[in-house]
N, C-alpha and C. Protein backbone atom coordinates (compact mmCIF):
# COMPACT_ATOMS: atom_id res chain seq x y z
N MET A 1 174.57 254.18 80.31
CA MET A 1 175.82 253.95 79.95
C MET A 1 175.21 252.98 78.62
N LYS A 2 176.33 253.42 77.20
CA LYS A 2 175.67 252.96 76.15
C LYS A 2 176.03 251.26 76.06
N THR A 3 175.08 250.91 75.38
CA THR A 3 174.90 249.93 75.09
C THR A 3 174.94 249.85 73.33
N LYS A 4 175.06 247.97 72.80
CA LYS A 4 175.69 247.69 71.62
C LYS A 4 174.48 248.41 70.69
N ARG A 5 173.29 248.29 70.99
CA ARG A 5 172.25 248.48 70.35
C ARG A 5 171.93 249.79 70.19
N SER A 6 172.77 250.98 70.68
CA SER A 6 172.60 252.33 70.83
C SER A 6 173.03 252.75 69.27
N HIS A 7 174.35 251.78 68.81
CA HIS A 7 174.76 252.06 67.53
C HIS A 7 174.04 251.93 66.49
N GLU A 8 173.25 251.13 66.64
CA GLU A 8 172.02 251.13 65.53
C GLU A 8 171.89 252.14 65.03
N GLY A 9 171.14 251.77 63.39
CA GLY A 9 170.66 252.95 62.93
C GLY A 9 169.58 252.03 62.27
N TYR A 10 168.42 252.84 61.53
CA TYR A 10 167.36 252.04 60.95
C TYR A 10 166.57 252.42 59.16
N LEU A 11 166.44 251.74 58.71
CA LEU A 11 166.64 251.34 57.50
C LEU A 11 165.03 250.46 57.36
N MET A 12 164.31 251.80 56.39
CA MET A 12 163.34 251.29 55.87
C MET A 12 162.92 251.22 54.18
N ILE A 13 162.14 250.08 53.46
CA ILE A 13 162.73 250.58 51.94
C ILE A 13 160.83 250.32 52.03
N ASP A 14 160.39 251.55 51.41
CA ASP A 14 158.79 251.08 51.12
C ASP A 14 158.65 250.87 49.62
N HIS A 15 158.49 249.92 49.10
CA HIS A 15 157.54 249.75 47.84
C HIS A 15 156.52 249.53 48.02
N ARG A 16 155.38 249.66 48.60
CA ARG A 16 153.67 249.33 48.95
C ARG A 16 153.18 250.21 47.60
N ALA A 17 153.85 250.80 47.17
CA ALA A 17 152.75 251.99 45.64
C ALA A 17 154.15 251.53 44.56
N GLY A 18 154.73 250.66 44.62
CA GLY A 18 155.85 249.99 43.43
C GLY A 18 155.97 249.01 43.42
N ASP A 19 156.92 248.93 41.92
CA ASP A 19 157.20 247.78 41.57
C ASP A 19 158.05 246.85 42.37
N GLY A 20 158.87 247.16 42.67
CA GLY A 20 160.05 246.68 43.90
C GLY A 20 161.17 246.21 43.15
N ILE A 21 161.74 245.39 43.94
CA ILE A 21 163.56 244.64 43.42
C ILE A 21 163.03 243.19 43.42
N SER A 22 163.46 242.92 42.15
CA SER A 22 163.47 241.49 42.28
C SER A 22 164.32 240.35 42.70
N GLN A 23 164.34 239.40 43.04
CA GLN A 23 165.86 238.81 43.93
C GLN A 23 166.82 238.93 42.48
N GLU A 24 166.73 238.75 41.29
CA GLU A 24 167.75 238.41 40.44
C GLU A 24 168.56 239.80 40.02
N ILE A 25 167.55 241.01 40.52
CA ILE A 25 168.30 242.43 40.06
C ILE A 25 169.01 242.64 41.31
N ALA A 26 168.30 241.93 42.40
CA ALA A 26 169.14 242.28 44.18
C ALA A 26 170.26 241.45 44.03
N ARG A 27 170.22 240.03 43.60
CA ARG A 27 171.60 239.44 43.64
C ARG A 27 172.75 240.24 42.40
N LYS A 28 172.09 240.55 41.44
CA LYS A 28 173.18 240.91 40.33
C LYS A 28 174.11 242.50 40.78
N THR A 29 173.03 242.91 41.71
CA THR A 29 173.64 244.71 42.05
C THR A 29 173.87 244.79 43.22
N GLY A 30 173.61 243.75 44.02
CA GLY A 30 173.64 243.88 45.63
C GLY A 30 172.82 244.82 46.32
N ALA A 31 172.05 244.78 46.04
CA ALA A 31 170.49 245.75 46.49
C ALA A 31 169.50 244.57 47.82
N VAL A 32 168.99 245.48 47.99
CA VAL A 32 167.95 244.41 48.90
C VAL A 32 167.15 244.30 48.52
N ALA A 33 166.25 242.44 48.29
CA ALA A 33 165.33 242.55 47.38
C ALA A 33 163.86 242.78 48.57
N VAL A 34 163.46 243.53 47.81
CA VAL A 34 162.02 244.40 48.36
C VAL A 34 161.12 243.82 47.32
N PRO A 35 160.11 242.85 47.14
CA PRO A 35 158.80 242.79 46.06
C PRO A 35 157.78 244.04 46.00
N GLY A 36 157.37 244.36 45.58
CA GLY A 36 156.18 245.54 44.78
C GLY A 36 155.54 244.96 46.22
N GLY A 37 154.76 246.06 46.47
CA GLY A 37 153.54 245.90 47.75
C GLY A 37 154.21 245.56 48.75
N SER A 38 155.50 245.71 48.98
CA SER A 38 155.96 245.12 50.44
C SER A 38 156.49 246.55 50.86
N LEU A 39 156.84 246.07 52.49
CA LEU A 39 157.55 247.23 53.14
C LEU A 39 158.74 245.92 53.77
N PHE A 40 160.02 247.16 53.89
CA PHE A 40 161.39 246.50 54.72
C PHE A 40 161.53 246.93 55.55
N GLU A 41 161.99 246.27 56.31
CA GLU A 41 162.28 247.35 58.20
C GLU A 41 163.06 246.83 58.67
N SER A 42 164.58 247.45 59.12
CA SER A 42 165.64 246.59 59.57
C SER A 42 166.81 247.46 60.44
N ALA A 43 167.02 246.97 61.43
CA ALA A 43 168.38 247.73 61.87
C ALA A 43 169.10 247.78 61.00
N VAL A 44 170.25 248.96 61.13
CA VAL A 44 171.25 248.73 60.42
C VAL A 44 172.79 248.93 61.17
N ILE A 45 174.07 248.52 61.54
CA ILE A 45 174.99 248.91 61.92
C ILE A 45 176.02 249.69 61.05
N THR A 46 176.73 250.18 61.58
CA THR A 46 178.10 250.80 60.75
C THR A 46 179.69 249.91 61.04
N CYS A 47 180.27 249.18 60.64
CA CYS A 47 181.18 248.53 60.76
C CYS A 47 182.00 249.31 61.30
N SER A 48 182.46 249.27 62.58
CA SER A 48 183.83 250.54 63.03
C SER A 48 185.40 250.09 62.42
N HIS A 49 185.48 248.99 61.87
CA HIS A 49 186.74 249.21 61.31
C HIS A 49 186.75 249.16 59.76
N CYS A 50 185.84 248.76 58.74
CA CYS A 50 185.78 249.47 57.29
C CYS A 50 184.92 250.86 56.92
N GLN A 51 183.57 250.89 57.63
CA GLN A 51 182.48 252.01 58.08
C GLN A 51 181.63 251.37 56.64
N ARG A 52 181.48 249.85 56.49
CA ARG A 52 180.68 249.10 55.78
C ARG A 52 179.51 249.54 56.46
N GLY A 53 178.23 249.78 55.68
CA GLY A 53 176.82 249.50 56.54
C GLY A 53 176.39 247.92 56.42
N VAL A 54 176.24 247.77 57.82
CA VAL A 54 175.38 246.32 57.41
C VAL A 54 173.97 246.18 57.95
N ILE A 55 173.14 245.52 56.87
CA ILE A 55 171.59 245.64 57.91
C ILE A 55 171.53 244.40 58.69
N LEU A 56 170.98 244.30 59.53
CA LEU A 56 170.83 243.39 60.41
C LEU A 56 170.00 242.16 60.25
N ASN A 57 169.51 240.95 59.63
CA ASN A 57 169.22 239.68 59.51
C ASN A 57 168.88 239.51 60.62
N PRO A 58 167.01 239.57 60.42
CA PRO A 58 166.97 239.24 62.16
C PRO A 58 166.82 237.19 62.26
N ASP A 59 166.94 237.21 61.23
CA ASP A 59 166.63 235.63 61.00
C ASP A 59 168.34 234.95 60.87
N ARG A 60 169.20 235.83 61.35
CA ARG A 60 170.42 234.97 61.26
C ARG A 60 170.57 233.94 62.21
N SER A 61 171.38 233.03 62.14
CA SER A 61 171.50 232.03 63.27
C SER A 61 173.10 232.05 63.58
N ARG A 62 174.17 232.27 63.22
CA ARG A 62 175.54 232.66 63.72
C ARG A 62 175.27 234.09 64.36
N SER A 63 176.44 233.99 64.88
CA SER A 63 176.73 234.79 65.48
C SER A 63 177.17 236.62 65.24
N ARG A 64 177.31 237.50 65.09
CA ARG A 64 177.41 238.92 64.61
C ARG A 64 179.16 239.24 64.91
N GLY A 65 179.53 240.00 64.31
CA GLY A 65 180.91 239.89 64.30
C GLY A 65 180.77 240.92 65.40
N TYR A 66 181.65 240.71 66.11
CA TYR A 66 181.99 242.13 67.37
C TYR A 66 183.30 242.08 67.91
N CYS A 67 184.19 243.17 68.11
CA CYS A 67 185.12 243.38 68.54
C CYS A 67 185.49 243.98 69.93
N PRO A 68 185.88 243.08 70.88
CA PRO A 68 186.05 243.64 72.38
C PRO A 68 186.92 244.81 72.65
N LYS A 69 187.99 245.01 71.64
CA LYS A 69 189.10 245.83 71.78
C LYS A 69 188.22 247.36 72.01
N CYS A 70 187.33 247.42 70.80
CA CYS A 70 186.99 248.72 70.38
C CYS A 70 185.47 248.88 70.58
N ASP A 71 184.93 247.90 71.46
CA ASP A 71 183.55 247.49 71.88
C ASP A 71 182.22 247.80 70.71
N HIS A 72 183.13 247.53 69.44
CA HIS A 72 181.54 247.76 68.53
C HIS A 72 181.41 246.48 67.82
N TYR A 73 180.47 246.17 66.86
CA TYR A 73 179.86 245.37 65.86
C TYR A 73 180.91 245.37 64.59
N ILE A 74 180.73 244.40 63.93
CA ILE A 74 182.22 244.73 62.76
C ILE A 74 181.32 243.66 61.59
N CYS A 75 181.42 243.86 60.22
CA CYS A 75 181.35 243.31 59.47
C CYS A 75 181.62 241.73 59.51
N ASP A 76 180.95 241.13 58.64
CA ASP A 76 181.69 239.84 58.10
C ASP A 76 183.37 239.43 57.91
N ALA A 77 183.63 240.37 56.93
CA ALA A 77 184.88 240.28 56.56
C ALA A 77 185.69 241.01 57.45
N CYS A 78 185.56 242.14 58.11
CA CYS A 78 186.53 242.74 59.21
C CYS A 78 186.54 241.65 60.77
N GLU A 79 185.44 240.85 60.76
CA GLU A 79 185.60 239.72 61.66
C GLU A 79 186.42 238.06 61.79
N THR A 80 186.34 237.97 60.35
CA THR A 80 187.65 237.35 59.62
C THR A 80 188.85 237.86 60.14
N VAL A 81 189.23 238.80 59.23
CA VAL A 81 190.36 239.09 59.71
C VAL A 81 191.09 239.88 61.30
N ARG A 82 189.92 240.35 61.44
CA ARG A 82 189.99 240.51 63.23
C ARG A 82 190.64 238.50 63.47
N VAL A 83 189.67 237.93 63.87
CA VAL A 83 189.95 236.60 64.51
C VAL A 83 191.45 236.21 63.80
N ALA A 84 191.64 235.92 62.49
CA ALA A 84 192.73 235.12 62.13
C ALA A 84 193.69 235.81 62.46
N THR A 85 193.72 237.62 62.66
CA THR A 85 194.93 238.29 63.15
C THR A 85 195.10 238.89 64.44
N GLY A 86 193.87 238.90 65.32
CA GLY A 86 193.97 239.48 66.73
C GLY A 86 193.82 240.96 66.43
N VAL A 87 194.02 241.82 65.65
CA VAL A 87 194.26 242.94 65.50
C VAL A 87 192.76 243.79 65.57
N CYS A 88 192.84 244.86 66.16
CA CYS A 88 191.60 245.69 66.20
C CYS A 88 192.13 246.92 65.64
N ARG A 89 191.88 247.45 64.49
CA ARG A 89 192.21 248.43 63.41
C ARG A 89 190.79 248.98 63.04
N PRO A 90 190.21 250.28 63.76
CA PRO A 90 188.79 250.98 63.87
C PRO A 90 188.92 252.28 62.59
N PHE A 91 188.26 252.43 61.74
CA PHE A 91 187.97 253.54 60.84
C PHE A 91 189.08 254.41 61.40
N LYS A 92 188.64 255.46 62.67
CA LYS A 92 189.16 256.18 62.91
C LYS A 92 190.40 256.20 63.17
N GLN A 93 191.13 254.85 63.88
CA GLN A 93 192.51 254.50 64.09
C GLN A 93 193.49 254.39 62.25
N ILE A 94 192.93 253.90 61.19
CA ILE A 94 193.45 254.17 60.34
C ILE A 94 193.12 255.65 60.07
N MET A 95 191.95 256.37 59.89
CA MET A 95 192.40 257.51 59.10
C MET A 95 193.41 258.69 59.82
N ASP A 96 193.79 258.26 61.48
CA ASP A 96 194.97 258.96 62.11
C ASP A 96 195.76 258.62 61.24
N GLU A 97 196.16 257.79 60.90
CA GLU A 97 197.65 257.26 60.62
C GLU A 97 197.62 257.50 59.02
N VAL A 98 196.45 257.68 58.65
CA VAL A 98 196.88 258.24 57.13
C VAL A 98 197.33 260.25 57.21
N GLN A 99 196.30 260.43 58.15
CA GLN A 99 196.30 262.16 58.48
C GLN A 99 198.12 262.32 58.53
N ASN A 100 198.54 261.17 59.97
CA ASN A 100 200.08 261.63 60.46
C ASN A 100 201.03 261.28 59.29
N ALA A 101 201.10 260.20 58.53
CA ALA A 101 201.86 259.65 57.14
C ALA A 101 201.83 261.21 56.50
N ALA A 102 200.85 261.84 56.12
CA ALA A 102 200.43 262.47 55.14
C ALA A 102 201.08 264.10 55.74
N LEU A 103 200.96 264.48 57.10
CA LEU A 103 201.94 265.63 57.44
C LEU A 103 203.48 265.06 58.00
N LYS A 104 203.80 264.34 57.95
CA LYS A 104 205.36 264.06 57.97
C LYS A 104 206.07 263.85 56.51
N GLN A 105 204.87 264.06 55.55
CA GLN A 105 205.96 264.29 54.36
C GLN A 105 206.18 265.60 53.68
N GLU A 106 207.10 265.74 53.34
CA GLU A 106 207.72 266.73 52.87
C GLU A 106 206.60 267.74 51.74
N ARG A 107 206.50 268.91 51.96
CA ARG A 107 205.56 269.67 51.21
C ARG A 107 206.90 269.86 49.70
N PRO A 108 206.51 269.91 48.58
CA PRO A 108 206.78 269.78 47.70
C PRO A 108 207.11 271.61 47.17
N ASP A 109 208.38 271.73 46.53
CA ASP A 109 208.82 273.51 46.86
C ASP A 109 207.86 273.69 45.23
N GLY A 110 207.52 274.96 45.53
CA GLY A 110 206.85 275.29 44.06
C GLY A 110 206.27 276.78 43.93
């Protein structure tokens, strides 16, 4: 039986021998702030609704977004949409819809 944790990946950022990334640069670029001389390790998930990578913060106090319909964790943005609409639209479903729409299009003569 698969667990939710079986969908996790692993991220390691090793700046033990480098200058690292400051809080200021991380804020501007959306990177993870890892100061020089340190090592950052964390579990990561991929949102099943949008395929965004999410670094799991072990100090997070609020619950992680979870979709019971597709049985996967989802990012905060997709959780907001899911709660507001009640709709589960996994990325796989979106790609199937795009592919089916493309197949229904007439081929241009040429």
